[in-house]
Amino acid sequence: MATWIWILIVIVALIGGFALGFWLSRKYMMDYLEKNPPINEDMLRIMMMQMGQKPSQKKINQMMGMMNKSSEKAKAEAKKK
């Protein structure tokens, strides 16, 4: 075969591999973050104490609810696109 065909095949394979790898890693990270959220109640309690606030359970529940609501909203907007 001609040299230019081999070069074309290599370029197409590299572009395809890059696109597939990017898509798979993005999907893996989205699933991982959905299963293991980066902030939980204990971390939120520690952050509030560091900021000088007294963390009551009501405040923590309220903030966790707001965070969950915003993540669900972002997830719904991502599905629309």
N, C-alpha and C. Protein backbone atom coordinates (compact mmCIF):
# COMPACT_ATOMS: atom_id res chain seq x y z
N MET A 1 0.83 -1.18 0.00
CA MET A 1 0.00 0.00 0.00
C MET A 1 0.88 1.24 0.00
N ALA A 2 0.25 2.30 -0.40
CA ALA A 2 0.98 3.56 -0.46
C ALA A 2 1.22 4.10 0.95
N THR A 3 2.26 4.87 1.07
CA THR A 3 2.63 5.43 2.37
C THR A 3 1.56 6.36 2.91
N TRP A 4 0.93 7.14 2.04
CA TRP A 4 -0.06 8.12 2.51
C TRP A 4 -1.28 7.44 3.11
N ILE A 5 -1.60 6.23 2.66
CA ILE A 5 -2.74 5.50 3.23
C ILE A 5 -2.42 5.08 4.67
N TRP A 6 -1.19 4.61 4.89
CA TRP A 6 -0.79 4.24 6.24
C TRP A 6 -0.81 5.45 7.18
N ILE A 7 -0.33 6.56 6.69
CA ILE A 7 -0.33 7.78 7.49
C ILE A 7 -1.76 8.19 7.84
N LEU A 8 -2.66 8.10 6.88
CA LEU A 8 -4.06 8.44 7.10
C LEU A 8 -4.70 7.49 8.12
N ILE A 9 -4.40 6.20 8.01
CA ILE A 9 -4.94 5.22 8.96
C ILE A 9 -4.46 5.51 10.38
N VAL A 10 -3.17 5.83 10.52
CA VAL A 10 -2.62 6.13 11.84
C VAL A 10 -3.27 7.38 12.42
N ILE A 11 -3.44 8.41 11.62
CA ILE A 11 -4.04 9.66 12.10
C ILE A 11 -5.49 9.43 12.53
N VAL A 12 -6.25 8.70 11.72
CA VAL A 12 -7.65 8.41 12.06
C VAL A 12 -7.73 7.57 13.34
N ALA A 13 -6.83 6.59 13.48
CA ALA A 13 -6.82 5.75 14.69
C ALA A 13 -6.47 6.57 15.93
N LEU A 14 -5.52 7.50 15.81
CA LEU A 14 -5.16 8.35 16.94
C LEU A 14 -6.32 9.25 17.36
N ILE A 15 -6.97 9.85 16.39
CA ILE A 15 -8.11 10.74 16.69
C ILE A 15 -9.25 9.93 17.32
N GLY A 16 -9.54 8.76 16.74
CA GLY A 16 -10.59 7.91 17.29
C GLY A 16 -10.27 7.43 18.70
N GLY A 17 -9.03 7.04 18.94
CA GLY A 17 -8.62 6.60 20.26
C GLY A 17 -8.69 7.71 21.29
N PHE A 18 -8.28 8.90 20.88
CA PHE A 18 -8.35 10.05 21.79
C PHE A 18 -9.81 10.35 22.15
N ALA A 19 -10.68 10.38 21.15
CA ALA A 19 -12.09 10.70 21.40
C ALA A 19 -12.74 9.63 22.28
N LEU A 20 -12.48 8.36 21.99
CA LEU A 20 -13.07 7.28 22.78
C LEU A 20 -12.53 7.29 24.21
N GLY A 21 -11.24 7.51 24.37
CA GLY A 21 -10.64 7.57 25.70
C GLY A 21 -11.20 8.72 26.51
N PHE A 22 -11.36 9.88 25.87
CA PHE A 22 -11.93 11.03 26.57
C PHE A 22 -13.35 10.74 27.02
N TRP A 23 -14.15 10.17 26.14
CA TRP A 23 -15.55 9.88 26.45
C TRP A 23 -15.65 8.86 27.59
N LEU A 24 -14.85 7.79 27.53
CA LEU A 24 -14.89 6.77 28.58
C LEU A 24 -14.43 7.32 29.93
N SER A 25 -13.37 8.11 29.93
CA SER A 25 -12.89 8.66 31.21
C SER A 25 -13.89 9.66 31.78
N ARG A 26 -14.54 10.43 30.94
CA ARG A 26 -15.56 11.38 31.41
C ARG A 26 -16.73 10.64 32.03
N LYS A 27 -17.19 9.58 31.37
CA LYS A 27 -18.31 8.80 31.89
C LYS A 27 -17.94 8.13 33.21
N TYR A 28 -16.73 7.60 33.30
CA TYR A 28 -16.27 6.96 34.54
C TYR A 28 -16.25 7.97 35.69
N MET A 29 -15.72 9.15 35.45
CA MET A 29 -15.63 10.16 36.51
C MET A 29 -17.02 10.65 36.93
N MET A 30 -17.92 10.81 35.98
CA MET A 30 -19.28 11.25 36.33
C MET A 30 -19.98 10.19 37.19
N ASP A 31 -19.83 8.92 36.84
CA ASP A 31 -20.42 7.85 37.64
C ASP A 31 -19.79 7.78 39.02
N TYR A 32 -18.47 7.94 39.08
CA TYR A 32 -17.76 7.89 40.36
C TYR A 32 -18.22 9.01 41.29
N LEU A 33 -18.31 10.23 40.75
CA LEU A 33 -18.72 11.36 41.58
C LEU A 33 -20.18 11.25 42.00
N GLU A 34 -21.00 10.61 41.18
CA GLU A 34 -22.40 10.42 41.55
C GLU A 34 -22.51 9.42 42.70
N LYS A 35 -21.71 8.36 42.66
CA LYS A 35 -21.75 7.35 43.72
C LYS A 35 -21.03 7.82 44.98
N ASN A 36 -19.98 8.61 44.83
CA ASN A 36 -19.18 9.09 45.96
C ASN A 36 -19.12 10.60 45.93
N PRO A 37 -20.13 11.28 46.44
CA PRO A 37 -20.11 12.75 46.39
C PRO A 37 -18.91 13.31 47.15
N PRO A 38 -18.37 14.41 46.65
CA PRO A 38 -17.16 14.95 47.27
C PRO A 38 -17.37 15.54 48.66
N ILE A 39 -18.60 15.90 49.02
CA ILE A 39 -18.84 16.50 50.33
C ILE A 39 -19.97 15.73 51.03
N ASN A 40 -19.71 15.32 52.26
CA ASN A 40 -20.75 14.66 53.05
C ASN A 40 -21.01 15.50 54.30
N GLU A 41 -21.86 15.01 55.18
CA GLU A 41 -22.26 15.80 56.36
C GLU A 41 -21.08 16.07 57.29
N ASP A 42 -20.21 15.10 57.46
CA ASP A 42 -19.07 15.31 58.36
C ASP A 42 -18.14 16.39 57.82
N MET A 43 -17.88 16.36 56.53
CA MET A 43 -17.01 17.37 55.93
C MET A 43 -17.65 18.75 56.03
N LEU A 44 -18.96 18.81 55.84
CA LEU A 44 -19.68 20.07 55.95
C LEU A 44 -19.62 20.61 57.38
N ARG A 45 -19.75 19.73 58.35
CA ARG A 45 -19.67 20.12 59.76
C ARG A 45 -18.27 20.69 60.07
N ILE A 46 -17.23 20.05 59.57
CA ILE A 46 -15.87 20.52 59.79
C ILE A 46 -15.65 21.88 59.13
N MET A 47 -16.17 22.04 57.91
CA MET A 47 -16.02 23.32 57.21
C MET A 47 -16.71 24.44 57.98
N MET A 48 -17.90 24.17 58.50
CA MET A 48 -18.62 25.20 59.25
C MET A 48 -17.87 25.57 60.53
N MET A 49 -17.29 24.58 61.20
CA MET A 49 -16.53 24.86 62.41
C MET A 49 -15.28 25.68 62.09
N GLN A 50 -14.65 25.41 60.95
CA GLN A 50 -13.47 26.18 60.56
C GLN A 50 -13.83 27.63 60.23
N MET A 51 -15.06 27.83 59.74
CA MET A 51 -15.49 29.19 59.41
C MET A 51 -16.02 29.93 60.65
N GLY A 52 -16.03 29.27 61.79
CA GLY A 52 -16.45 29.93 63.02
C GLY A 52 -17.93 29.82 63.30
N GLN A 53 -18.64 28.97 62.57
CA GLN A 53 -20.07 28.80 62.81
C GLN A 53 -20.29 27.56 63.68
N LYS A 54 -21.33 27.61 64.48
CA LYS A 54 -21.68 26.43 65.27
C LYS A 54 -22.62 25.59 64.42
N PRO A 55 -22.17 24.41 64.01
CA PRO A 55 -22.99 23.60 63.09
C PRO A 55 -24.09 22.84 63.81
N SER A 56 -25.32 23.32 63.67
CA SER A 56 -26.45 22.56 64.19
C SER A 56 -26.88 21.57 63.12
N GLN A 57 -27.57 20.52 63.55
CA GLN A 57 -28.01 19.50 62.59
C GLN A 57 -28.99 20.09 61.58
N LYS A 58 -29.78 21.06 62.01
CA LYS A 58 -30.74 21.70 61.11
C LYS A 58 -30.01 22.43 59.98
N LYS A 59 -28.94 23.17 60.33
CA LYS A 59 -28.17 23.89 59.31
C LYS A 59 -27.51 22.92 58.34
N ILE A 60 -26.97 21.84 58.88
CA ILE A 60 -26.29 20.86 58.03
C ILE A 60 -27.28 20.21 57.08
N ASN A 61 -28.45 19.82 57.61
CA ASN A 61 -29.47 19.22 56.74
C ASN A 61 -29.92 20.20 55.67
N GLN A 62 -30.05 21.46 56.04
CA GLN A 62 -30.47 22.49 55.10
C GLN A 62 -29.44 22.65 53.98
N MET A 63 -28.17 22.72 54.35
CA MET A 63 -27.12 22.89 53.34
C MET A 63 -26.98 21.65 52.46
N MET A 64 -27.10 20.46 53.04
CA MET A 64 -27.02 19.23 52.24
C MET A 64 -28.20 19.18 51.27
N GLY A 65 -29.38 19.59 51.71
CA GLY A 65 -30.53 19.62 50.82
C GLY A 65 -30.32 20.59 49.67
N MET A 66 -29.75 21.76 49.97
CA MET A 66 -29.48 22.73 48.90
C MET A 66 -28.46 22.17 47.91
N MET A 67 -27.43 21.51 48.41
CA MET A 67 -26.41 20.95 47.53
C MET A 67 -26.98 19.83 46.67
N ASN A 68 -27.80 18.96 47.26
CA ASN A 68 -28.41 17.87 46.50
C ASN A 68 -29.36 18.41 45.44
N LYS A 69 -30.12 19.44 45.81
CA LYS A 69 -31.06 20.05 44.87
C LYS A 69 -30.32 20.66 43.68
N SER A 70 -29.21 21.35 43.96
CA SER A 70 -28.46 21.98 42.87
C SER A 70 -27.80 20.94 41.98
N SER A 71 -27.34 19.82 42.56
CA SER A 71 -26.73 18.79 41.73
C SER A 71 -27.78 18.09 40.87
N GLU A 72 -28.99 17.89 41.41
CA GLU A 72 -30.06 17.29 40.62
C GLU A 72 -30.47 18.22 39.48
N LYS A 73 -30.50 19.52 39.76
CA LYS A 73 -30.85 20.50 38.74
C LYS A 73 -29.80 20.50 37.62
N ALA A 74 -28.54 20.45 37.99
CA ALA A 74 -27.46 20.42 37.00
C ALA A 74 -27.52 19.13 36.18
N LYS A 75 -27.87 18.02 36.84
CA LYS A 75 -27.97 16.75 36.14
C LYS A 75 -29.13 16.78 35.14
N ALA A 76 -30.26 17.39 35.54
CA ALA A 76 -31.42 17.49 34.65
C ALA A 76 -31.10 18.38 33.44
N GLU A 77 -30.36 19.46 33.67
CA GLU A 77 -29.98 20.33 32.56
C GLU A 77 -29.01 19.64 31.61
N ALA A 78 -28.14 18.80 32.15
CA ALA A 78 -27.20 18.07 31.31
C ALA A 78 -27.93 17.05 30.44
N LYS A 79 -29.00 16.46 30.97
CA LYS A 79 -29.76 15.49 30.19
C LYS A 79 -30.52 16.16 29.05
N LYS A 80 -30.92 17.43 29.26
CA LYS A 80 -31.65 18.15 28.22
C LYS A 80 -30.78 18.38 27.00
N LYS A 81 -29.50 18.59 27.23
CA LYS A 81 -28.59 18.90 26.12
C LYS A 81 -28.25 17.72 25.32
